[in-house]
Amino acid sequence: MLNNYTAKYTKISSGYMGQLVEWPEVITEGNTLEECREMLKDALYEMIKAYHQQGKEIPVGGGLLEQLSIET
C-alpha cells in the first residue's frame, strides 16, 4: 500500500526542520531543504519499520501537499 504524507518544512538557524503533518513524531533537520527532505524520508521508513516491529497501526497519509514555512 502506498501512502502520501504531508511534509511541513520550517527554516531554522541551522538549516531546515521537516515534519510530517499526519505523523508528527516523524521529524528531522537538515542543512539544506534537499537534505532535510531526504532525511525526512529516511525517518519515515525507520518509523514504519519500528511500528511494524511493535505491531502498531501506521497512520494513514493525506495528500501531496508540501508547505514551506519560513521564520522571519
C-alpha atoms as a PDB file:
ATOM      1  CA  MET A   1       0.000   0.000   0.000  1.00  0.00           C
ATOM      2  CA  LEU A   2       1.334   3.432  -0.963  1.00  0.00           C
ATOM      3  CA  ASN A   3       0.639   6.372   1.346  1.00  0.00           C
ATOM      4  CA  ASN A   4       1.417  10.015   0.695  1.00  0.00           C
ATOM      5  CA  TYR A   5       2.212  12.193   3.680  1.00  0.00           C
ATOM      6  CA  THR A   6       2.115  15.965   4.028  1.00  0.00           C
ATOM      7  CA  ALA A   7       5.557  17.395   4.789  1.00  0.00           C
ATOM      8  CA  LYS A   8       5.960  20.739   6.533  1.00  0.00           C
ATOM      9  CA  TYR A   9       9.358  22.456   6.348  1.00  0.00           C
ATOM     10  CA  THR A  10      10.452  25.314   8.587  1.00  0.00           C
ATOM     11  CA  LYS A  11      13.557  27.454   8.063  1.00  0.00           C
ATOM     12  CA  ILE A  12      15.640  27.396  11.245  1.00  0.00           C
ATOM     13  CA  SER A  13      19.028  28.886  12.135  1.00  0.00           C
ATOM     14  CA  SER A  14      20.908  25.660  11.315  1.00  0.00           C
ATOM     15  CA  GLY A  15      19.021  24.959   8.049  1.00  0.00           C
ATOM     16  CA  TYR A  16      15.575  23.344   7.808  1.00  0.00           C
ATOM     17  CA  MET A  17      13.321  21.289  10.039  1.00  0.00           C
ATOM     18  CA  GLY A  18      10.934  18.820   8.394  1.00  0.00           C
ATOM     19  CA  GLN A  19       7.909  17.149   9.962  1.00  0.00           C
ATOM     20  CA  LEU A  20       5.009  15.034   8.725  1.00  0.00           C
ATOM     21  CA  VAL A  21       1.637  16.656   9.412  1.00  0.00           C
ATOM     22  CA  GLU A  22      -0.250  13.352   9.747  1.00  0.00           C
ATOM     23  CA  TRP A  23       2.523  11.738  11.803  1.00  0.00           C
ATOM     24  CA  PRO A  24       4.137  14.477  13.950  1.00  0.00           C
ATOM     25  CA  GLU A  25       6.577  12.015  15.557  1.00  0.00           C
ATOM     26  CA  VAL A  26       8.405  11.869  12.205  1.00  0.00           C
ATOM     27  CA  ILE A  27      10.630  14.923  12.408  1.00  0.00           C
ATOM     28  CA  THR A  28      14.184  15.749  11.360  1.00  0.00           C
ATOM     29  CA  GLU A  29      16.588  18.549  10.436  1.00  0.00           C
ATOM     30  CA  GLY A  30      18.982  19.165   7.565  1.00  0.00           C
ATOM     31  CA  ASN A  31      21.426  21.846   6.454  1.00  0.00           C
ATOM     32  CA  THR A  32      19.591  22.320   3.137  1.00  0.00           C
ATOM     33  CA  LEU A  33      15.990  21.782   2.094  1.00  0.00           C
ATOM     34  CA  GLU A  34      17.012  18.846  -0.120  1.00  0.00           C
ATOM     35  CA  GLU A  35      18.995  17.229   2.711  1.00  0.00           C
ATOM     36  CA  CYS A  36      16.028  17.710   5.039  1.00  0.00           C
ATOM     37  CA  ARG A  37      13.692  16.044   2.500  1.00  0.00           C
ATOM     38  CA  GLU A  38      15.978  13.020   2.220  1.00  0.00           C
ATOM     39  CA  MET A  39      16.388  12.756   5.984  1.00  0.00           C
ATOM     40  CA  LEU A  40      12.605  13.019   6.448  1.00  0.00           C
ATOM     41  CA  LYS A  41      12.103  10.114   4.019  1.00  0.00           C
ATOM     42  CA  ASP A  42      14.679   8.080   5.951  1.00  0.00           C
ATOM     43  CA  ALA A  43      12.974   8.943   9.249  1.00  0.00           C
ATOM     44  CA  LEU A  44       9.617   7.860   7.786  1.00  0.00           C
ATOM     45  CA  TYR A  45      10.994   4.492   6.645  1.00  0.00           C
ATOM     46  CA  GLU A  46      12.570   3.888  10.060  1.00  0.00           C
ATOM     47  CA  MET A  47       9.332   4.821  11.848  1.00  0.00           C
ATOM     48  CA  ILE A  48       7.317   2.463   9.616  1.00  0.00           C
ATOM     49  CA  LYS A  49       9.784  -0.331  10.368  1.00  0.00           C
ATOM     50  CA  ALA A  50       9.560   0.334  14.121  1.00  0.00           C
ATOM     51  CA  TYR A  51       5.752   0.415  14.040  1.00  0.00           C
ATOM     52  CA  HIS A  52       5.670  -2.904  12.143  1.00  0.00           C
ATOM     53  CA  GLN A  53       8.006  -4.488  14.705  1.00  0.00           C
ATOM     54  CA  GLN A  54       5.806  -3.254  17.555  1.00  0.00           C
ATOM     55  CA  GLY A  55       2.572  -4.277  15.850  1.00  0.00           C
ATOM     56  CA  LYS A  56       1.282  -0.693  15.838  1.00  0.00           C
ATOM     57  CA  GLU A  57      -1.049   0.696  13.196  1.00  0.00           C
ATOM     58  CA  ILE A  58       0.644   3.089  10.771  1.00  0.00           C
ATOM     59  CA  PRO A  59      -1.094   6.474  10.410  1.00  0.00           C
ATOM     60  CA  VAL A  60      -2.803   6.986   7.066  1.00  0.00           C
ATOM     61  CA  GLY A  61      -1.254   9.674   4.879  1.00  0.00           C
ATOM     62  CA  GLY A  62      -3.098  12.607   3.420  1.00  0.00           C
ATOM     63  CA  GLY A  63      -2.344  14.210   0.093  1.00  0.00           C
ATOM     64  CA  LEU A  64       0.571  15.526  -1.892  1.00  0.00           C
ATOM     65  CA  LEU A  65       0.849  18.919  -0.245  1.00  0.00           C
ATOM     66  CA  GLU A  66       4.228  20.350   0.610  1.00  0.00           C
ATOM     67  CA  GLN A  67       4.305  23.513   2.685  1.00  0.00           C
ATOM     68  CA  LEU A  68       7.408  25.619   3.151  1.00  0.00           C
ATOM     69  CA  SER A  69       7.334  27.837   6.235  1.00  0.00           C
ATOM     70  CA  ILE A  70       9.991  30.462   6.886  1.00  0.00           C
ATOM     71  CA  GLU A  71      10.637  32.137  10.235  1.00  0.00           C
ATOM     72  CA  THR A  72      11.197  35.880   9.890  1.00  0.00           C
END
